PDB file of N, CA and C in Angstrom:
ATOM      1  N   THR A   1     -12.708 -23.784  -1.146  1.00  0.00           N
ATOM      2  CA  THR A   1     -13.418 -22.571  -0.854  1.00  0.00           C
ATOM      3  C   THR A   1     -12.722 -21.463  -1.644  1.00  0.00           C
ATOM      4  N   PRO A   2     -13.431 -20.788  -2.571  1.00  0.00           N
ATOM      5  CA  PRO A   2     -12.821 -19.699  -3.302  1.00  0.00           C
ATOM      6  C   PRO A   2     -12.746 -18.409  -2.473  1.00  0.00           C
ATOM      7  N   VAL A   3     -11.671 -17.709  -2.612  1.00  0.00           N
ATOM      8  CA  VAL A   3     -11.577 -16.382  -2.112  1.00  0.00           C
ATOM      9  C   VAL A   3     -11.468 -15.509  -3.379  1.00  0.00           C
ATOM     10  N   MET A   4     -12.605 -14.774  -3.644  1.00  0.00           N
ATOM     11  CA  MET A   4     -12.676 -14.075  -4.879  1.00  0.00           C
ATOM     12  C   MET A   4     -11.965 -12.747  -4.805  1.00  0.00           C
ATOM     13  N   LEU A   5     -11.034 -12.544  -5.709  1.00  0.00           N
ATOM     14  CA  LEU A   5     -10.264 -11.256  -5.742  1.00  0.00           C
ATOM     15  C   LEU A   5     -10.503 -10.544  -7.143  1.00  0.00           C
ATOM     16  N   TYR A   6     -10.987 -11.314  -8.181  1.00  0.00           N
ATOM     17  CA  TYR A   6     -11.359 -10.755  -9.427  1.00  0.00           C
ATOM     18  C   TYR A   6     -10.231 -10.244 -10.333  1.00  0.00           C
ATOM     19  N   ASP A   7      -9.211  -9.740  -9.805  1.00  0.00           N
ATOM     20  CA  ASP A   7      -8.111  -9.136 -10.483  1.00  0.00           C
ATOM     21  C   ASP A   7      -6.911 -10.148 -10.573  1.00  0.00           C
ATOM     22  N   VAL A   8      -6.414 -10.375 -11.795  1.00  0.00           N
ATOM     23  CA  VAL A   8      -5.335 -11.346 -11.923  1.00  0.00           C
ATOM     24  C   VAL A   8      -4.060 -10.924 -11.143  1.00  0.00           C
ATOM     25  N   PRO A   9      -3.487  -9.727 -11.393  1.00  0.00           N
ATOM     26  CA  PRO A   9      -2.274  -9.440 -10.644  1.00  0.00           C
ATOM     27  C   PRO A   9      -2.446  -9.475  -9.101  1.00  0.00           C
ATOM     28  N   LEU A  10      -3.588  -9.057  -8.666  1.00  0.00           N
ATOM     29  CA  LEU A  10      -3.829  -9.022  -7.204  1.00  0.00           C
ATOM     30  C   LEU A  10      -3.940 -10.436  -6.724  1.00  0.00           C
ATOM     31  N   ALA A  11      -4.584 -11.363  -7.387  1.00  0.00           N
ATOM     32  CA  ALA A  11      -4.739 -12.732  -6.957  1.00  0.00           C
ATOM     33  C   ALA A  11      -3.382 -13.397  -6.961  1.00  0.00           C
ATOM     34  N   GLN A  12      -2.576 -13.176  -7.965  1.00  0.00           N
ATOM     35  CA  GLN A  12      -1.274 -13.744  -8.080  1.00  0.00           C
ATOM     36  C   GLN A  12      -0.390 -13.227  -6.923  1.00  0.00           C
ATOM     37  N   LYS A  13      -0.434 -11.975  -6.680  1.00  0.00           N
ATOM     38  CA  LYS A  13       0.410 -11.485  -5.545  1.00  0.00           C
ATOM     39  C   LYS A  13      -0.079 -11.896  -4.210  1.00  0.00           C
ATOM     40  N   PHE A  14      -1.418 -11.960  -4.030  1.00  0.00           N
ATOM     41  CA  PHE A  14      -1.928 -12.422  -2.761  1.00  0.00           C
ATOM     42  C   PHE A  14      -1.562 -13.840  -2.498  1.00  0.00           C
ATOM     43  N   ALA A  15      -1.659 -14.719  -3.505  1.00  0.00           N
ATOM     44  CA  ALA A  15      -1.312 -16.107  -3.354  1.00  0.00           C
ATOM     45  C   ALA A  15       0.160 -16.310  -3.043  1.00  0.00           C
ATOM     46  N   ASN A  16       1.025 -15.531  -3.745  1.00  0.00           N
ATOM     47  CA  ASN A  16       2.446 -15.644  -3.532  1.00  0.00           C
ATOM     48  C   ASN A  16       2.831 -15.149  -2.107  1.00  0.00           C
ATOM     49  N   GLU A  17       2.238 -14.048  -1.626  1.00  0.00           N
ATOM     50  CA  GLU A  17       2.520 -13.581  -0.288  1.00  0.00           C
ATOM     51  C   GLU A  17       2.048 -14.507   0.763  1.00  0.00           C
ATOM     52  N   LEU A  18       0.902 -15.175   0.528  1.00  0.00           N
ATOM     53  CA  LEU A  18       0.411 -16.147   1.492  1.00  0.00           C
ATOM     54  C   LEU A  18       1.391 -17.350   1.575  1.00  0.00           C
ATOM     55  N   LEU A  19       1.929 -17.741   0.395  1.00  0.00           N
ATOM     56  CA  LEU A  19       2.906 -18.789   0.475  1.00  0.00           C
ATOM     57  C   LEU A  19       4.099 -18.461   1.281  1.00  0.00           C
ATOM     58  N   THR A  20       4.569 -17.176   1.178  1.00  0.00           N
ATOM     59  CA  THR A  20       5.700 -16.722   2.008  1.00  0.00           C
ATOM     60  C   THR A  20       5.372 -16.711   3.455  1.00  0.00           C
ATOM     61  N   GLU A  21       4.053 -16.615   3.771  1.00  0.00           N
ATOM     62  CA  GLU A  21       3.564 -16.676   5.184  1.00  0.00           C
ATOM     63  C   GLU A  21       3.432 -18.095   5.682  1.00  0.00           C
ATOM     64  N   GLY A  22       3.620 -19.071   4.759  1.00  0.00           N
ATOM     65  CA  GLY A  22       3.456 -20.442   5.213  1.00  0.00           C
ATOM     66  C   GLY A  22       2.061 -21.066   4.940  1.00  0.00           C
ATOM     67  N   ILE A  23       1.183 -20.328   4.152  1.00  0.00           N
ATOM     68  CA  ILE A  23      -0.101 -20.777   3.883  1.00  0.00           C
ATOM     69  C   ILE A  23      -0.154 -21.198   2.372  1.00  0.00           C
ATOM     70  N   TYR A  24      -0.438 -22.525   2.175  1.00  0.00           N
ATOM     71  CA  TYR A  24      -0.443 -23.007   0.807  1.00  0.00           C
ATOM     72  C   TYR A  24      -1.811 -22.831   0.200  1.00  0.00           C
ATOM     73  N   VAL A  25      -1.826 -21.968  -0.827  1.00  0.00           N
ATOM     74  CA  VAL A  25      -3.026 -21.657  -1.604  1.00  0.00           C
ATOM     75  C   VAL A  25      -2.654 -21.708  -3.066  1.00  0.00           C
ATOM     76  N   ILE A  26      -3.704 -21.850  -3.880  1.00  0.00           N
ATOM     77  CA  ILE A  26      -3.502 -21.811  -5.340  1.00  0.00           C
ATOM     78  C   ILE A  26      -4.292 -20.726  -5.959  1.00  0.00           C
ATOM     79  N   GLY A  27      -3.683 -19.923  -6.795  1.00  0.00           N
ATOM     80  CA  GLY A  27      -4.372 -18.869  -7.490  1.00  0.00           C
ATOM     81  C   GLY A  27      -4.899 -19.414  -8.835  1.00  0.00           C
ATOM     82  N   PHE A  28      -6.178 -19.037  -9.158  1.00  0.00           N
ATOM     83  CA  PHE A  28      -6.798 -19.385 -10.425  1.00  0.00           C
ATOM     84  C   PHE A  28      -7.125 -18.149 -11.234  1.00  0.00           C
ATOM     85  N   PHE A  29      -6.700 -18.205 -12.494  1.00  0.00           N
ATOM     86  CA  PHE A  29      -6.898 -17.055 -13.388  1.00  0.00           C
ATOM     87  C   PHE A  29      -7.283 -17.595 -14.716  1.00  0.00           C
ATOM     88  N   PHE A  30      -7.722 -16.675 -15.666  1.00  0.00           N
ATOM     89  CA  PHE A  30      -8.029 -17.032 -17.034  1.00  0.00           C
ATOM     90  C   PHE A  30      -6.832 -17.726 -17.601  1.00  0.00           C
ATOM     91  N   PRO A  31      -7.008 -18.844 -18.289  1.00  0.00           N
ATOM     92  CA  PRO A  31      -8.152 -19.495 -18.850  1.00  0.00           C
ATOM     93  C   PRO A  31      -8.825 -20.519 -17.962  1.00  0.00           C
ATOM     94  N   VAL A  32      -8.327 -20.670 -16.775  1.00  0.00           N
ATOM     95  CA  VAL A  32      -8.902 -21.684 -15.870  1.00  0.00           C
ATOM     96  C   VAL A  32     -10.267 -21.284 -15.342  1.00  0.00           C
ATOM     97  N   VAL A  33     -10.393 -19.968 -15.089  1.00  0.00           N
ATOM     98  CA  VAL A  33     -11.711 -19.369 -14.742  1.00  0.00           C
ATOM     99  C   VAL A  33     -11.934 -18.196 -15.661  1.00  0.00           C
ATOM    100  N   PRO A  34     -13.194 -17.765 -15.748  1.00  0.00           N
ATOM    101  CA  PRO A  34     -13.520 -16.681 -16.725  1.00  0.00           C
ATOM    102  C   PRO A  34     -12.763 -15.416 -16.383  1.00  0.00           C
ATOM    103  N   ILE A  35     -12.569 -14.561 -17.383  1.00  0.00           N
ATOM    104  CA  ILE A  35     -11.990 -13.286 -17.167  1.00  0.00           C
ATOM    105  C   ILE A  35     -12.747 -12.485 -16.152  1.00  0.00           C
ATOM    106  N   GLY A  36     -12.082 -11.871 -15.175  1.00  0.00           N
ATOM    107  CA  GLY A  36     -12.688 -11.086 -14.228  1.00  0.00           C
ATOM    108  C   GLY A  36     -13.133 -11.912 -12.996  1.00  0.00           C
ATOM    109  N   LYS A  37     -12.810 -13.201 -12.945  1.00  0.00           N
ATOM    110  CA  LYS A  37     -13.230 -14.119 -11.853  1.00  0.00           C
ATOM    111  C   LYS A  37     -11.980 -14.751 -11.159  1.00  0.00           C
ATOM    112  N   SER A  38     -10.895 -14.021 -11.152  1.00  0.00           N
ATOM    113  CA  SER A  38      -9.690 -14.561 -10.516  1.00  0.00           C
ATOM    114  C   SER A  38      -9.929 -14.768  -9.051  1.00  0.00           C
ATOM    115  N   ARG A  39      -9.245 -15.821  -8.574  1.00  0.00           N
ATOM    116  CA  ARG A  39      -9.521 -16.168  -7.139  1.00  0.00           C
ATOM    117  C   ARG A  39      -8.334 -16.977  -6.593  1.00  0.00           C
ATOM    118  N   ILE A  40      -8.378 -17.182  -5.290  1.00  0.00           N
ATOM    119  CA  ILE A  40      -7.483 -18.040  -4.628  1.00  0.00           C
ATOM    120  C   ILE A  40      -8.350 -19.183  -4.034  1.00  0.00           C
ATOM    121  N   ARG A  41      -7.853 -20.402  -4.182  1.00  0.00           N
ATOM    122  CA  ARG A  41      -8.555 -21.580  -3.659  1.00  0.00           C
ATOM    123  C   ARG A  41      -7.883 -21.996  -2.365  1.00  0.00           C
ATOM    124  N   VAL A  42      -8.738 -22.135  -1.330  1.00  0.00           N
ATOM    125  CA  VAL A  42      -8.305 -22.523  -0.058  1.00  0.00           C
ATOM    126  C   VAL A  42      -8.977 -23.883   0.281  1.00  0.00           C
ATOM    127  N   GLN A  43      -8.241 -24.840   0.702  1.00  0.00           N
ATOM    128  CA  GLN A  43      -8.865 -26.170   1.096  1.00  0.00           C
ATOM    129  C   GLN A  43      -8.633 -26.343   2.580  1.00  0.00           C
ATOM    130  N   ILE A  44      -9.775 -26.573   3.199  1.00  0.00           N
ATOM    131  CA  ILE A  44      -9.773 -26.805   4.674  1.00  0.00           C
ATOM    132  C   ILE A  44     -10.278 -28.243   4.870  1.00  0.00           C
ATOM    133  N   SER A  45      -9.611 -28.931   5.745  1.00  0.00           N
ATOM    134  CA  SER A  45     -10.046 -30.346   6.029  1.00  0.00           C
ATOM    135  C   SER A  45     -10.121 -30.584   7.473  1.00  0.00           C
ATOM    136  N   ALA A  46     -10.658 -31.732   7.810  1.00  0.00           N
ATOM    137  CA  ALA A  46     -10.758 -32.166   9.243  1.00  0.00           C
ATOM    138  C   ALA A  46      -9.433 -32.420   9.824  1.00  0.00           C
ATOM    139  N   ALA A  47      -8.398 -32.515   9.017  1.00  0.00           N
ATOM    140  CA  ALA A  47      -7.056 -32.712   9.560  1.00  0.00           C
ATOM    141  C   ALA A  47      -6.419 -31.442  10.119  1.00  0.00           C
ATOM    142  N   HIS A  48      -7.026 -30.290   9.722  1.00  0.00           N
ATOM    143  CA  HIS A  48      -6.497 -29.012  10.264  1.00  0.00           C
ATOM    144  C   HIS A  48      -6.922 -28.826  11.700  1.00  0.00           C
ATOM    145  N   GLU A  49      -5.994 -28.375  12.515  1.00  0.00           N
ATOM    146  CA  GLU A  49      -6.360 -28.045  13.926  1.00  0.00           C
ATOM    147  C   GLU A  49      -6.681 -26.607  14.061  1.00  0.00           C
ATOM    148  N   LYS A  50      -7.207 -26.178  15.161  1.00  0.00           N
ATOM    149  CA  LYS A  50      -7.618 -24.811  15.363  1.00  0.00           C
ATOM    150  C   LYS A  50      -6.410 -23.865  15.169  1.00  0.00           C
ATOM    151  N   ASP A  51      -5.258 -24.255  15.590  1.00  0.00           N
ATOM    152  CA  ASP A  51      -4.113 -23.417  15.392  1.00  0.00           C
ATOM    153  C   ASP A  51      -3.750 -23.226  13.936  1.00  0.00           C
ATOM    154  N   HIS A  52      -3.988 -24.216  13.064  1.00  0.00           N
ATOM    155  CA  HIS A  52      -3.786 -24.001  11.688  1.00  0.00           C
ATOM    156  C   HIS A  52      -4.734 -22.892  11.134  1.00  0.00           C
ATOM    157  N   ILE A  53      -6.019 -23.035  11.496  1.00  0.00           N
ATOM    158  CA  ILE A  53      -6.993 -22.024  11.039  1.00  0.00           C
ATOM    159  C   ILE A  53      -6.667 -20.667  11.521  1.00  0.00           C
ATOM    160  N   TYR A  54      -6.290 -20.522  12.775  1.00  0.00           N
ATOM    161  CA  TYR A  54      -5.891 -19.253  13.293  1.00  0.00           C
ATOM    162  C   TYR A  54      -4.748 -18.601  12.592  1.00  0.00           C
ATOM    163  N   LYS A  55      -3.733 -19.432  12.284  1.00  0.00           N
ATOM    164  CA  LYS A  55      -2.600 -18.986  11.512  1.00  0.00           C
ATOM    165  C   LYS A  55      -2.978 -18.543  10.093  1.00  0.00           C
ATOM    166  N   ALA A  56      -3.902 -19.260   9.483  1.00  0.00           N
ATOM    167  CA  ALA A  56      -4.347 -18.926   8.123  1.00  0.00           C
ATOM    168  C   ALA A  56      -5.047 -17.546   8.195  1.00  0.00           C
ATOM    169  N   VAL A  57      -5.962 -17.432   9.091  1.00  0.00           N
ATOM    170  CA  VAL A  57      -6.727 -16.184   9.265  1.00  0.00           C
ATOM    171  C   VAL A  57      -5.752 -14.991   9.523  1.00  0.00           C
ATOM    172  N   GLU A  58      -4.833 -15.238  10.391  1.00  0.00           N
ATOM    173  CA  GLU A  58      -3.836 -14.153  10.642  1.00  0.00           C
ATOM    174  C   GLU A  58      -3.113 -13.791   9.390  1.00  0.00           C
ATOM    175  N   ALA A  59      -2.686 -14.781   8.645  1.00  0.00           N
ATOM    176  CA  ALA A  59      -1.908 -14.449   7.385  1.00  0.00           C
ATOM    177  C   ALA A  59      -2.775 -13.813   6.371  1.00  0.00           C
ATOM    178  N   PHE A  60      -3.991 -14.204   6.156  1.00  0.00           N
ATOM    179  CA  PHE A  60      -4.907 -13.601   5.234  1.00  0.00           C
ATOM    180  C   PHE A  60      -5.143 -12.120   5.659  1.00  0.00           C
ATOM    181  N   THR A  61      -5.311 -11.882   6.942  1.00  0.00           N
ATOM    182  CA  THR A  61      -5.487 -10.512   7.412  1.00  0.00           C
ATOM    183  C   THR A  61      -4.271  -9.675   7.166  1.00  0.00           C
ATOM    184  N   LYS A  62      -3.123 -10.186   7.486  1.00  0.00           N
ATOM    185  CA  LYS A  62      -1.864  -9.439   7.294  1.00  0.00           C
ATOM    186  C   LYS A  62      -1.664  -9.134   5.827  1.00  0.00           C
ATOM    187  N   VAL A  63      -1.775 -10.105   4.910  1.00  0.00           N
ATOM    188  CA  VAL A  63      -1.594  -9.873   3.479  1.00  0.00           C
ATOM    189  C   VAL A  63      -2.666  -9.042   2.944  1.00  0.00           C
ATOM    190  N   GLY A  64      -3.919  -9.300   3.367  1.00  0.00           N
ATOM    191  CA  GLY A  64      -4.996  -8.474   2.841  1.00  0.00           C
ATOM    192  C   GLY A  64      -4.882  -6.970   3.195  1.00  0.00           C
ATOM    193  N   ARG A  65      -4.453  -6.702   4.346  1.00  0.00           N
ATOM    194  CA  ARG A  65      -4.219  -5.284   4.771  1.00  0.00           C
ATOM    195  C   ARG A  65      -3.062  -4.691   3.959  1.00  0.00           C
ATOM    196  N   ARG A  66      -1.985  -5.475   3.802  1.00  0.00           N
ATOM    197  CA  ARG A  66      -0.871  -4.932   3.108  1.00  0.00           C
ATOM    198  C   ARG A  66      -1.120  -4.672   1.592  1.00  0.00           C
ATOM    199  N   LEU A  67      -2.002  -5.451   1.040  1.00  0.00           N
ATOM    200  CA  LEU A  67      -2.410  -5.243  -0.336  1.00  0.00           C
ATOM    201  C   LEU A  67      -3.615  -4.349  -0.537  1.00  0.00           C
ATOM    202  N   GLY A  68      -4.173  -3.893   0.522  1.00  0.00           N
ATOM    203  CA  GLY A  68      -5.302  -2.943   0.442  1.00  0.00           C
ATOM    204  C   GLY A  68      -6.673  -3.662   0.153  1.00  0.00           C
ATOM    205  N   VAL A  69      -6.724  -4.944   0.354  1.00  0.00           N
ATOM    206  CA  VAL A  69      -7.980  -5.669   0.104  1.00  0.00           C
ATOM    207  C   VAL A  69      -8.926  -5.542   1.299  1.00  0.00           C
ATOM    208  N   ILE A  70      -8.389  -5.501   2.508  1.00  0.00           N
ATOM    209  CA  ILE A  70      -9.211  -5.245   3.698  1.00  0.00           C
ATOM    210  C   ILE A  70      -8.605  -4.098   4.516  1.00  0.00           C
TER     211      ILE A  70
END
């Protein structure tokens, strides 16, 4: 599932900060994706429990607010 951030430095910082929060994500930037389409990839599977999802949402909210995305 892509989380579109469009800006390379923002996507890189967001991904790094999520990693420090314990959420494993991968940032994708040019040349892997087109210029202006930077994103973070999130993979959710049936192996994740509700607590995992809640932790991820909490981390996304915390980092997103800190970086001014939300």
